[in-house]
Amino acid sequence: MYQRQPDAWGAEAAARGRRGGQRIVHAGEIATPAEIAECLGITEGEDGAV
């Protein structure tokens, strides 16, 4: 079974006796800028998730 790995924020919060978490406040697609496309090995302007 898949076990989630703790993230840095959650681990830091737990070390302080607190509870951390994240919340997605926006998701969508944009045309990929040249610098990002190069890093990902895709074509500039290709849709990418944000």
PDB file of N, CA and C in Angstrom:
ATOM      1  N   MET A   1       0.841  -1.184   0.000  1.00  0.00           N
ATOM      2  CA  MET A   1       0.000   0.000   0.000  1.00  0.00           C
ATOM      3  C   MET A   1       0.883   1.243   0.000  1.00  0.00           C
ATOM      4  N   TYR A   2       0.440   2.263  -0.672  1.00  0.00           N
ATOM      5  CA  TYR A   2       1.177   3.528  -0.777  1.00  0.00           C
ATOM      6  C   TYR A   2       1.145   4.277   0.546  1.00  0.00           C
ATOM      7  N   GLN A   3       2.318   4.708   1.014  1.00  0.00           N
ATOM      8  CA  GLN A   3       2.379   5.542   2.212  1.00  0.00           C
ATOM      9  C   GLN A   3       2.855   6.919   1.819  1.00  0.00           C
ATOM     10  N   ARG A   4       2.152   7.931   2.313  1.00  0.00           N
ATOM     11  CA  ARG A   4       2.524   9.312   2.003  1.00  0.00           C
ATOM     12  C   ARG A   4       3.808   9.674   2.725  1.00  0.00           C
ATOM     13  N   GLN A   5       4.663  10.367   2.018  1.00  0.00           N
ATOM     14  CA  GLN A   5       5.883  10.887   2.616  1.00  0.00           C
ATOM     15  C   GLN A   5       5.577  12.238   3.229  1.00  0.00           C
ATOM     16  N   PRO A   6       6.083  12.508   4.432  1.00  0.00           N
ATOM     17  CA  PRO A   6       5.826  13.822   5.027  1.00  0.00           C
ATOM     18  C   PRO A   6       6.524  14.918   4.228  1.00  0.00           C
ATOM     19  N   ASP A   7       5.878  16.062   4.129  1.00  0.00           N
ATOM     20  CA  ASP A   7       6.516  17.189   3.455  1.00  0.00           C
ATOM     21  C   ASP A   7       7.238  18.038   4.497  1.00  0.00           C
ATOM     22  N   ALA A   8       8.074  18.948   4.046  1.00  0.00           N
ATOM     23  CA  ALA A   8       8.890  19.766   4.948  1.00  0.00           C
ATOM     24  C   ALA A   8       8.036  20.601   5.896  1.00  0.00           C
ATOM     25  N   TRP A   9       6.928  21.156   5.392  1.00  0.00           N
ATOM     26  CA  TRP A   9       6.085  22.009   6.234  1.00  0.00           C
ATOM     27  C   TRP A   9       5.395  21.195   7.320  1.00  0.00           C
ATOM     28  N   GLY A  10       4.857  20.053   6.946  1.00  0.00           N
ATOM     29  CA  GLY A  10       4.180  19.196   7.914  1.00  0.00           C
ATOM     30  C   GLY A  10       5.138  18.648   8.957  1.00  0.00           C
ATOM     31  N   ALA A  11       6.337  18.248   8.515  1.00  0.00           N
ATOM     32  CA  ALA A  11       7.340  17.726   9.441  1.00  0.00           C
ATOM     33  C   ALA A  11       7.779  18.799  10.427  1.00  0.00           C
ATOM     34  N   GLU A  12       7.973  20.018   9.942  1.00  0.00           N
ATOM     35  CA  GLU A  12       8.373  21.119  10.824  1.00  0.00           C
ATOM     36  C   GLU A  12       7.271  21.430  11.830  1.00  0.00           C
ATOM     37  N   ALA A  13       6.031  21.455  11.367  1.00  0.00           N
ATOM     38  CA  ALA A  13       4.909  21.726  12.268  1.00  0.00           C
ATOM     39  C   ALA A  13       4.803  20.628  13.323  1.00  0.00           C
ATOM     40  N   ALA A  14       4.953  19.366  12.919  1.00  0.00           N
ATOM     41  CA  ALA A  14       4.881  18.247  13.859  1.00  0.00           C
ATOM     42  C   ALA A  14       5.992  18.328  14.898  1.00  0.00           C
ATOM     43  N   ALA A  15       7.183  18.745  14.471  1.00  0.00           N
ATOM     44  CA  ALA A  15       8.306  18.879  15.399  1.00  0.00           C
ATOM     45  C   ALA A  15       8.020  19.932  16.468  1.00  0.00           C
ATOM     46  N   ARG A  16       7.136  20.859  16.161  1.00  0.00           N
ATOM     47  CA  ARG A  16       6.761  21.914  17.114  1.00  0.00           C
ATOM     48  C   ARG A  16       5.454  21.589  17.839  1.00  0.00           C
ATOM     49  N   GLY A  17       4.979  20.350  17.648  1.00  0.00           N
ATOM     50  CA  GLY A  17       3.748  19.942  18.314  1.00  0.00           C
ATOM     51  C   GLY A  17       2.491  20.485  17.664  1.00  0.00           C
ATOM     52  N   ARG A  18       2.607  20.869  16.412  1.00  0.00           N
ATOM     53  CA  ARG A  18       1.460  21.427  15.687  1.00  0.00           C
ATOM     54  C   ARG A  18       1.101  20.534  14.514  1.00  0.00           C
ATOM     55  N   ARG A  19       0.071  20.911  13.812  1.00  0.00           N
ATOM     56  CA  ARG A  19      -0.378  20.151  12.650  1.00  0.00           C
ATOM     57  C   ARG A  19      -0.310  21.047  11.421  1.00  0.00           C
ATOM     58  N   GLY A  20       0.365  20.590  10.392  1.00  0.00           N
ATOM     59  CA  GLY A  20       0.482  21.365   9.158  1.00  0.00           C
ATOM     60  C   GLY A  20      -0.392  20.793   8.067  1.00  0.00           C
ATOM     61  N   GLY A  21      -0.534  21.540   7.008  1.00  0.00           N
ATOM     62  CA  GLY A  21      -1.312  21.069   5.874  1.00  0.00           C
ATOM     63  C   GLY A  21      -1.281  22.076   4.747  1.00  0.00           C
ATOM     64  N   GLN A  22      -1.867  21.695   3.644  1.00  0.00           N
ATOM     65  CA  GLN A  22      -1.945  22.562   2.480  1.00  0.00           C
ATOM     66  C   GLN A  22      -3.370  22.540   1.956  1.00  0.00           C
ATOM     67  N   ARG A  23      -3.692  23.565   1.206  1.00  0.00           N
ATOM     68  CA  ARG A  23      -5.011  23.663   0.581  1.00  0.00           C
ATOM     69  C   ARG A  23      -4.804  24.244  -0.811  1.00  0.00           C
ATOM     70  N   ILE A  24      -5.323  23.573  -1.820  1.00  0.00           N
ATOM     71  CA  ILE A  24      -5.241  24.083  -3.186  1.00  0.00           C
ATOM     72  C   ILE A  24      -6.282  25.182  -3.323  1.00  0.00           C
ATOM     73  N   VAL A  25      -5.835  26.386  -3.659  1.00  0.00           N
ATOM     74  CA  VAL A  25      -6.761  27.510  -3.787  1.00  0.00           C
ATOM     75  C   VAL A  25      -7.030  27.869  -5.244  1.00  0.00           C
ATOM     76  N   HIS A  26      -6.214  27.361  -6.162  1.00  0.00           N
ATOM     77  CA  HIS A  26      -6.432  27.608  -7.582  1.00  0.00           C
ATOM     78  C   HIS A  26      -5.730  26.518  -8.379  1.00  0.00           C
ATOM     79  N   ALA A  27      -6.360  26.057  -9.414  1.00  0.00           N
ATOM     80  CA  ALA A  27      -5.753  25.116 -10.344  1.00  0.00           C
ATOM     81  C   ALA A  27      -6.242  25.477 -11.736  1.00  0.00           C
ATOM     82  N   GLY A  28      -5.375  25.323 -12.712  1.00  0.00           N
ATOM     83  CA  GLY A  28      -5.766  25.642 -14.076  1.00  0.00           C
ATOM     84  C   GLY A  28      -4.660  25.301 -15.055  1.00  0.00           C
ATOM     85  N   GLU A  29      -4.798  25.779 -16.272  1.00  0.00           N
ATOM     86  CA  GLU A  29      -3.806  25.567 -17.322  1.00  0.00           C
ATOM     87  C   GLU A  29      -3.396  26.901 -17.905  1.00  0.00           C
ATOM     88  N   ILE A  30      -2.121  26.987 -18.273  1.00  0.00           N
ATOM     89  CA  ILE A  30      -1.587  28.168 -18.945  1.00  0.00           C
ATOM     90  C   ILE A  30      -0.689  27.708 -20.082  1.00  0.00           C
ATOM     91  N   ALA A  31      -0.393  28.619 -21.005  1.00  0.00           N
ATOM     92  CA  ALA A  31       0.596  28.343 -22.045  1.00  0.00           C
ATOM     93  C   ALA A  31       1.970  28.386 -21.375  1.00  0.00           C
ATOM     94  N   THR A  32       2.758  27.344 -21.579  1.00  0.00           N
ATOM     95  CA  THR A  32       4.041  27.218 -20.896  1.00  0.00           C
ATOM     96  C   THR A  32       5.056  28.241 -21.391  1.00  0.00           C
ATOM     97  N   PRO A  33       5.633  29.041 -20.478  1.00  0.00           N
ATOM     98  CA  PRO A  33       6.693  29.983 -20.854  1.00  0.00           C
ATOM     99  C   PRO A  33       7.937  29.225 -21.335  1.00  0.00           C
ATOM    100  N   ALA A  34       8.757  29.872 -22.165  1.00  0.00           N
ATOM    101  CA  ALA A  34       9.931  29.236 -22.776  1.00  0.00           C
ATOM    102  C   ALA A  34      10.860  28.596 -21.749  1.00  0.00           C
ATOM    103  N   GLU A  35      11.191  29.307 -20.684  1.00  0.00           N
ATOM    104  CA  GLU A  35      12.141  28.797 -19.688  1.00  0.00           C
ATOM    105  C   GLU A  35      11.616  27.529 -19.005  1.00  0.00           C
ATOM    106  N   ILE A  36      10.344  27.516 -18.691  1.00  0.00           N
ATOM    107  CA  ILE A  36       9.739  26.349 -18.041  1.00  0.00           C
ATOM    108  C   ILE A  36       9.639  25.192 -19.024  1.00  0.00           C
ATOM    109  N   ALA A  37       9.227  25.482 -20.254  1.00  0.00           N
ATOM    110  CA  ALA A  37       9.114  24.443 -21.284  1.00  0.00           C
ATOM    111  C   ALA A  37      10.453  23.748 -21.496  1.00  0.00           C
ATOM    112  N   GLU A  38      11.524  24.526 -21.513  1.00  0.00           N
ATOM    113  CA  GLU A  38      12.863  23.950 -21.697  1.00  0.00           C
ATOM    114  C   GLU A  38      13.199  22.999 -20.552  1.00  0.00           C
ATOM    115  N   CYS A  39      12.907  23.394 -19.323  1.00  0.00           N
ATOM    116  CA  CYS A  39      13.183  22.550 -18.155  1.00  0.00           C
ATOM    117  C   CYS A  39      12.385  21.250 -18.192  1.00  0.00           C
ATOM    118  N   LEU A  40      11.158  21.321 -18.691  1.00  0.00           N
ATOM    119  CA  LEU A  40      10.280  20.154 -18.722  1.00  0.00           C
ATOM    120  C   LEU A  40      10.425  19.327 -19.994  1.00  0.00           C
ATOM    121  N   GLY A  41      11.169  19.846 -20.954  1.00  0.00           N
ATOM    122  CA  GLY A  41      11.344  19.129 -22.210  1.00  0.00           C
ATOM    123  C   GLY A  41      10.092  19.110 -23.064  1.00  0.00           C
ATOM    124  N   ILE A  42       9.303  20.197 -23.002  1.00  0.00           N
ATOM    125  CA  ILE A  42       8.100  20.305 -23.824  1.00  0.00           C
ATOM    126  C   ILE A  42       8.197  21.550 -24.696  1.00  0.00           C
ATOM    127  N   THR A  43       7.231  21.719 -25.582  1.00  0.00           N
ATOM    128  CA  THR A  43       7.225  22.841 -26.507  1.00  0.00           C
ATOM    129  C   THR A  43       6.701  24.103 -25.834  1.00  0.00           C
ATOM    130  N   GLU A  44       7.356  25.225 -26.099  1.00  0.00           N
ATOM    131  CA  GLU A  44       6.887  26.515 -25.581  1.00  0.00           C
ATOM    132  C   GLU A  44       5.461  26.752 -26.049  1.00  0.00           C
ATOM    133  N   GLY A  45       4.621  27.237 -25.167  1.00  0.00           N
ATOM    134  CA  GLY A  45       3.235  27.520 -25.506  1.00  0.00           C
ATOM    135  C   GLY A  45       2.291  26.352 -25.296  1.00  0.00           C
ATOM    136  N   GLU A  46       2.856  25.151 -25.104  1.00  0.00           N
ATOM    137  CA  GLU A  46       2.025  23.980 -24.838  1.00  0.00           C
ATOM    138  C   GLU A  46       1.317  24.186 -23.497  1.00  0.00           C
ATOM    139  N   ASP A  47       0.068  23.730 -23.392  1.00  0.00           N
ATOM    140  CA  ASP A  47      -0.663  23.891 -22.135  1.00  0.00           C
ATOM    141  C   ASP A  47       0.036  23.144 -21.007  1.00  0.00           C
ATOM    142  N   GLY A  48       0.057  23.775 -19.849  1.00  0.00           N
ATOM    143  CA  GLY A  48       0.644  23.169 -18.660  1.00  0.00           C
ATOM    144  C   GLY A  48      -0.236  23.431 -17.456  1.00  0.00           C
ATOM    145  N   ALA A  49      -0.246  22.513 -16.512  1.00  0.00           N
ATOM    146  CA  ALA A  49      -1.055  22.666 -15.299  1.00  0.00           C
ATOM    147  C   ALA A  49      -0.345  23.559 -14.301  1.00  0.00           C
ATOM    148  N   VAL A  50      -1.127  24.379 -13.614  1.00  0.00           N
ATOM    149  CA  VAL A  50      -0.602  25.245 -12.550  1.00  0.00           C
ATOM    150  C   VAL A  50      -1.428  25.049 -11.298  1.00  0.00           C
TER     151      VAL A  50
END
